[in-house]
Amino acid sequence: MKDTDPVKIDNKPLPIGHVPIYLCVLKDNRISWRARFLHCYMRSFGNDYHHFGIKIAKDLGWDRKTVGAALRELEAATLLERAECHGEGGIFMGYVYLVYPVRRTLYRRLLDESRKSG
């Protein structure tokens, strides 16, 4: 496969428990290596996993400020979306993150193209 070949985006884990990590993210010099690593780490979980900043900081041994900066960087790069999480009675519990395999605009364009051709 050449770099110019179309990429089929699929966020489902592969049968052996792996998730594809796209080179366009790993080679994206517009974001730091820390943010790129965090993106790969977050992608390694299943689609139904809810990421919370405090849990990420604990799991990686990073401080909350470092995790927050990397999450904001990924959000600005449109590699993830942040949404409020509410518990019983609508009580605010924190933020949960939806992780895209590639930048959101590219992801949506490729999904549209695959739907048209499929």
C-alpha atoms as a PDB file:
ATOM      1  CA  MET A   1       0.000   0.000   0.000  1.00  0.00           C
ATOM      2  CA  LYS A   2       1.346   3.418  -0.981  1.00  0.00           C
ATOM      3  CA  ASP A   3       0.926   6.571   1.137  1.00  0.00           C
ATOM      4  CA  THR A   4      -1.492   7.897  -1.480  1.00  0.00           C
ATOM      5  CA  ASP A   5      -3.788   4.852  -1.348  1.00  0.00           C
ATOM      6  CA  PRO A   6      -7.107   5.423   0.421  1.00  0.00           C
ATOM      7  CA  VAL A   7      -7.289   4.240   4.010  1.00  0.00           C
ATOM      8  CA  LYS A   8     -10.300   2.402   5.345  1.00  0.00           C
ATOM      9  CA  ILE A   9     -10.987   3.757   8.814  1.00  0.00           C
ATOM     10  CA  ASP A  10     -12.250   1.190  11.261  1.00  0.00           C
ATOM     11  CA  ASN A  11     -12.227   1.790  15.007  1.00  0.00           C
ATOM     12  CA  LYS A  12     -13.004  -1.837  15.864  1.00  0.00           C
ATOM     13  CA  PRO A  13     -10.282  -3.916  17.511  1.00  0.00           C
ATOM     14  CA  LEU A  14      -8.662  -6.464  15.223  1.00  0.00           C
ATOM     15  CA  PRO A  15      -9.425 -10.137  15.995  1.00  0.00           C
ATOM     16  CA  ILE A  16      -6.167 -10.535  17.909  1.00  0.00           C
ATOM     17  CA  GLY A  17      -6.963  -7.621  20.220  1.00  0.00           C
ATOM     18  CA  HIS A  18      -5.007  -4.902  18.422  1.00  0.00           C
ATOM     19  CA  VAL A  19      -6.206  -1.520  17.215  1.00  0.00           C
ATOM     20  CA  PRO A  20      -4.703   0.141  14.131  1.00  0.00           C
ATOM     21  CA  ILE A  21      -2.560   3.195  14.814  1.00  0.00           C
ATOM     22  CA  TYR A  22      -2.278   5.396  11.739  1.00  0.00           C
ATOM     23  CA  LEU A  23       1.088   6.764  10.645  1.00  0.00           C
ATOM     24  CA  CYS A  24      -0.454  10.108   9.758  1.00  0.00           C
ATOM     25  CA  VAL A  25      -0.919  10.651  13.511  1.00  0.00           C
ATOM     26  CA  LEU A  26       2.501   9.334  14.526  1.00  0.00           C
ATOM     27  CA  LYS A  27       4.212  11.516  11.909  1.00  0.00           C
ATOM     28  CA  ASP A  28       2.152  14.640  12.644  1.00  0.00           C
ATOM     29  CA  ASN A  29       4.779  17.151  13.792  1.00  0.00           C
ATOM     30  CA  ARG A  30       2.082  19.678  14.680  1.00  0.00           C
ATOM     31  CA  ILE A  31       1.544  17.823  17.960  1.00  0.00           C
ATOM     32  CA  SER A  32       4.072  16.807  20.593  1.00  0.00           C
ATOM     33  CA  TRP A  33       5.379  13.297  21.074  1.00  0.00           C
ATOM     34  CA  ARG A  34       3.663  13.214  24.464  1.00  0.00           C
ATOM     35  CA  ALA A  35       0.303  13.935  22.821  1.00  0.00           C
ATOM     36  CA  ARG A  36       0.980  11.364  20.084  1.00  0.00           C
ATOM     37  CA  PHE A  37       1.810   8.746  22.714  1.00  0.00           C
ATOM     38  CA  LEU A  38      -1.319   9.610  24.688  1.00  0.00           C
ATOM     39  CA  HIS A  39      -3.410   9.255  21.526  1.00  0.00           C
ATOM     40  CA  CYS A  40      -1.963   5.774  20.896  1.00  0.00           C
ATOM     41  CA  TYR A  41      -2.527   4.826  24.533  1.00  0.00           C
ATOM     42  CA  MET A  42      -6.148   5.966  24.429  1.00  0.00           C
ATOM     43  CA  ARG A  43      -6.734   4.171  21.106  1.00  0.00           C
ATOM     44  CA  SER A  44      -5.527   0.906  22.644  1.00  0.00           C
ATOM     45  CA  PHE A  45      -8.782   0.600  24.606  1.00  0.00           C
ATOM     46  CA  GLY A  46     -12.098  -0.597  23.187  1.00  0.00           C
ATOM     47  CA  ASN A  47     -14.758   1.724  21.816  1.00  0.00           C
ATOM     48  CA  ASP A  48     -16.870   1.405  24.949  1.00  0.00           C
ATOM     49  CA  TYR A  49     -14.066   2.502  27.302  1.00  0.00           C
ATOM     50  CA  HIS A  50     -14.510   5.915  28.938  1.00  0.00           C
ATOM     51  CA  HIS A  51     -11.287   7.873  29.414  1.00  0.00           C
ATOM     52  CA  PHE A  52     -11.004  10.229  32.391  1.00  0.00           C
ATOM     53  CA  GLY A  53      -8.015  12.547  32.865  1.00  0.00           C
ATOM     54  CA  ILE A  54      -7.424  11.555  36.505  1.00  0.00           C
ATOM     55  CA  LYS A  55      -7.403   7.844  35.619  1.00  0.00           C
ATOM     56  CA  ILE A  56      -5.007   8.435  32.717  1.00  0.00           C
ATOM     57  CA  ALA A  57      -2.642  10.378  34.995  1.00  0.00           C
ATOM     58  CA  LYS A  58      -2.677   7.566  37.547  1.00  0.00           C
ATOM     59  CA  ASP A  59      -2.172   4.810  34.957  1.00  0.00           C
ATOM     60  CA  LEU A  60       0.719   6.584  33.196  1.00  0.00           C
ATOM     61  CA  GLY A  61       2.331   8.090  36.278  1.00  0.00           C
ATOM     62  CA  TRP A  62       1.993  11.595  34.835  1.00  0.00           C
ATOM     63  CA  ASP A  63       0.786  14.594  36.823  1.00  0.00           C
ATOM     64  CA  ARG A  64      -2.696  15.936  36.065  1.00  0.00           C
ATOM     65  CA  LYS A  65      -1.312  19.145  34.544  1.00  0.00           C
ATOM     66  CA  THR A  66       0.752  17.165  32.003  1.00  0.00           C
ATOM     67  CA  VAL A  67      -2.212  14.964  31.083  1.00  0.00           C
ATOM     68  CA  GLY A  68      -4.462  18.021  30.787  1.00  0.00           C
ATOM     69  CA  ALA A  69      -2.009  19.758  28.456  1.00  0.00           C
ATOM     70  CA  ALA A  70      -1.713  16.671  26.220  1.00  0.00           C
ATOM     71  CA  LEU A  71      -5.511  16.231  26.138  1.00  0.00           C
ATOM     72  CA  ARG A  72      -5.990  19.895  25.174  1.00  0.00           C
ATOM     73  CA  GLU A  73      -3.386  19.464  22.435  1.00  0.00           C
ATOM     74  CA  LEU A  74      -5.218  16.423  21.051  1.00  0.00           C
ATOM     75  CA  GLU A  75      -8.531  18.251  21.244  1.00  0.00           C
ATOM     76  CA  ALA A  76      -7.095  21.233  19.339  1.00  0.00           C
ATOM     77  CA  ALA A  77      -5.741  18.797  16.733  1.00  0.00           C
ATOM     78  CA  THR A  78      -9.271  17.317  16.406  1.00  0.00           C
ATOM     79  CA  LEU A  79      -8.030  13.862  17.419  1.00  0.00           C
ATOM     80  CA  LEU A  80     -10.475  13.711  20.296  1.00  0.00           C
ATOM     81  CA  GLU A  81     -13.643  15.336  21.593  1.00  0.00           C
ATOM     82  CA  ARG A  82     -14.381  16.159  25.203  1.00  0.00           C
ATOM     83  CA  ALA A  83     -17.883  15.709  26.625  1.00  0.00           C
ATOM     84  CA  GLU A  84     -19.298  16.249  30.084  1.00  0.00           C
ATOM     85  CA  CYS A  85     -20.159  13.134  32.059  1.00  0.00           C
ATOM     86  CA  HIS A  86     -23.128  13.297  34.433  1.00  0.00           C
ATOM     87  CA  GLY A  87     -24.094  10.746  37.058  1.00  0.00           C
ATOM     88  CA  GLU A  88     -27.232  10.139  39.119  1.00  0.00           C
ATOM     89  CA  GLY A  89     -29.503  13.160  39.240  1.00  0.00           C
ATOM     90  CA  GLY A  90     -27.451  14.981  36.615  1.00  0.00           C
ATOM     91  CA  ILE A  91     -24.480  15.537  38.933  1.00  0.00           C
ATOM     92  CA  PHE A  92     -21.362  16.550  36.986  1.00  0.00           C
ATOM     93  CA  MET A  93     -18.765  13.756  37.268  1.00  0.00           C
ATOM     94  CA  GLY A  94     -16.038  15.101  34.975  1.00  0.00           C
ATOM     95  CA  TYR A  95     -15.151  14.902  31.306  1.00  0.00           C
ATOM     96  CA  VAL A  96     -15.041  11.859  29.090  1.00  0.00           C
ATOM     97  CA  TYR A  97     -13.103  11.731  25.818  1.00  0.00           C
ATOM     98  CA  LEU A  98     -14.045  10.296  22.423  1.00  0.00           C
ATOM     99  CA  VAL A  99     -10.869   9.374  20.530  1.00  0.00           C
ATOM    100  CA  TYR A 100     -10.702   9.519  16.736  1.00  0.00           C
ATOM    101  CA  PRO A 101      -8.233   7.282  14.855  1.00  0.00           C
ATOM    102  CA  VAL A 102      -7.154  10.274  12.703  1.00  0.00           C
ATOM    103  CA  ARG A 103      -8.020  13.983  12.617  1.00  0.00           C
ATOM    104  CA  ARG A 104     -11.813  14.381  12.719  1.00  0.00           C
ATOM    105  CA  THR A 105     -12.161  16.045   9.302  1.00  0.00           C
ATOM    106  CA  LEU A 106     -10.159  13.285   7.593  1.00  0.00           C
ATOM    107  CA  TYR A 107     -12.058  10.631   9.558  1.00  0.00           C
ATOM    108  CA  ARG A 108     -15.458  11.962   8.470  1.00  0.00           C
ATOM    109  CA  ARG A 109     -14.361  12.353   4.841  1.00  0.00           C
ATOM    110  CA  LEU A 110     -13.050   8.784   4.698  1.00  0.00           C
ATOM    111  CA  LEU A 111     -16.214   7.442   6.323  1.00  0.00           C
ATOM    112  CA  ASP A 112     -18.356   9.284   3.767  1.00  0.00           C
ATOM    113  CA  GLU A 113     -16.244   7.911   0.931  1.00  0.00           C
ATOM    114  CA  SER A 114     -16.451   4.346   2.244  1.00  0.00           C
ATOM    115  CA  ARG A 115     -20.253   4.600   2.580  1.00  0.00           C
ATOM    116  CA  LYS A 116     -20.595   5.860  -0.989  1.00  0.00           C
ATOM    117  CA  SER A 117     -18.423   3.089  -2.402  1.00  0.00           C
ATOM    118  CA  GLY A 118     -19.809   0.328  -0.180  1.00  0.00           C
END
